[in-house]
């Protein structure tokens, strides 16, 4: 859910983690994340999966995240694809063992 994505992003940031939140363009989540100062990447979630991944992969190559958290079915599908490509772990890991 949007609320879980926003709350978990803020908690991760409070523990010193750099958070990149992928949101649907022009969504309420996008608006609230901006208000909360969360770094967002707005995407058109109506795109074909391959086109969506072609926009996401360069962002991952630049950011090199160690953890991906997903909140609904499309997120999960994207997360699994990224896990496979980048060998990213699933679940939450806070910086410095916190």
Protein backbone atom coordinates (compact mmCIF):
# COMPACT_ATOMS: atom_id res chain seq x y z
CA UNK A 1 0.00 0.00 0.00
CA UNK A 2 0.98 3.61 -0.41
CA UNK A 3 1.03 4.20 3.33
CA UNK A 4 3.37 1.25 3.96
CA UNK A 5 5.72 2.38 1.18
CA UNK A 6 5.91 5.89 2.59
CA UNK A 7 6.32 4.86 6.24
CA UNK A 8 8.96 2.22 5.47
CA UNK A 9 10.84 4.69 3.24
CA UNK A 10 10.90 7.30 6.01
CA UNK A 11 12.07 4.74 8.59
CA UNK A 12 14.87 3.54 6.34
CA UNK A 13 15.94 7.15 5.77
CA UNK A 14 15.94 7.82 9.53
CA UNK A 15 18.38 4.90 9.91
CA UNK A 16 20.81 6.44 7.41
CA UNK A 17 19.80 4.54 4.29
CA UNK A 18 19.51 6.20 0.89
CA UNK A 19 15.99 5.48 -0.38
CA UNK A 20 14.81 5.64 -3.98
CA UNK A 21 11.04 5.21 -4.19
CA UNK A 22 9.57 4.23 -7.54
CA UNK A 23 6.03 5.59 -7.86
CA UNK A 24 3.29 5.77 -10.45
CA UNK A 25 3.36 9.12 -12.23
CA UNK A 26 0.76 11.63 -10.95
CA UNK A 27 -0.27 9.35 -8.08
CA UNK A 28 -1.14 10.24 -4.50
CA UNK A 29 1.96 8.29 -3.43
CA UNK A 30 4.10 10.51 -5.65
CA UNK A 31 2.57 13.65 -4.12
CA UNK A 32 3.00 12.46 -0.53
CA UNK A 33 6.56 11.21 -1.11
CA UNK A 34 7.54 14.64 -2.48
CA UNK A 35 5.99 16.27 0.59
CA UNK A 36 7.99 13.91 2.84
CA UNK A 37 11.27 14.64 1.04
CA UNK A 38 11.68 11.11 -0.31
CA UNK A 39 13.75 10.73 -3.48
CA UNK A 40 11.27 9.50 -6.09
CA UNK A 41 11.34 8.15 -9.61
CA UNK A 42 7.97 8.62 -11.34
CA UNK A 43 7.05 5.97 -13.89
CA UNK A 44 4.09 5.31 -16.15
CA UNK A 45 2.93 2.00 -14.69
CA UNK A 46 0.62 1.47 -17.69
CA UNK A 47 3.64 0.82 -19.93
CA UNK A 48 4.49 -2.66 -21.13
CA UNK A 49 6.70 -4.48 -18.63
CA UNK A 50 9.75 -4.51 -20.91
CA UNK A 51 9.50 -0.74 -21.51
CA UNK A 52 9.14 -0.13 -17.80
CA UNK A 53 12.21 -2.25 -17.04
CA UNK A 54 14.20 -0.39 -19.73
CA UNK A 55 13.61 2.82 -17.72
CA UNK A 56 14.28 1.25 -14.31
CA UNK A 57 17.48 -0.70 -15.09
CA UNK A 58 19.68 2.39 -15.79
CA UNK A 59 18.56 3.89 -12.47
CA UNK A 60 19.59 0.69 -10.67
CA UNK A 61 22.91 0.57 -12.48
CA UNK A 62 23.61 4.09 -11.21
CA UNK A 63 22.27 3.71 -7.64
CA UNK A 64 23.54 0.14 -7.03
CA UNK A 65 21.03 -0.66 -4.26
CA UNK A 66 21.62 -3.57 -1.91
CA UNK A 67 17.94 -4.06 -1.01
CA UNK A 68 14.67 -3.89 -2.94
CA UNK A 69 11.31 -3.75 -1.16
CA UNK A 70 8.09 -4.21 -3.10
CA UNK A 71 4.53 -3.50 -2.03
CA UNK A 72 2.18 -4.86 -4.70
CA UNK A 73 2.10 -7.28 -7.64
CA UNK A 74 3.79 -5.10 -10.29
CA UNK A 75 6.43 -4.04 -7.74
CA UNK A 76 7.00 -7.68 -6.88
CA UNK A 77 7.42 -8.63 -10.54
CA UNK A 78 9.89 -5.78 -11.05
CA UNK A 79 11.71 -6.63 -7.82
CA UNK A 80 12.14 -10.26 -8.81
CA UNK A 81 13.48 -9.25 -12.22
CA UNK A 82 15.97 -6.84 -10.63
CA UNK A 83 16.99 -9.44 -8.05
CA UNK A 84 17.80 -11.82 -10.87
CA UNK A 85 19.73 -9.24 -12.90
CA UNK A 86 21.60 -7.48 -10.09
CA UNK A 87 21.79 -10.20 -7.38
CA UNK A 88 19.95 -7.94 -4.92
CA UNK A 89 18.73 -9.43 -1.65
CA UNK A 90 15.07 -9.50 -0.72
CA UNK A 91 13.75 -8.00 2.49
CA UNK A 92 15.01 -5.18 4.65
CA UNK A 93 18.57 -4.58 5.76
CA UNK A 94 19.36 -1.43 7.66
CA UNK A 95 22.69 0.31 7.34
CA UNK A 96 25.38 -0.61 9.92
CA UNK A 97 23.35 -3.50 11.34
CA UNK A 98 20.69 -1.21 12.84
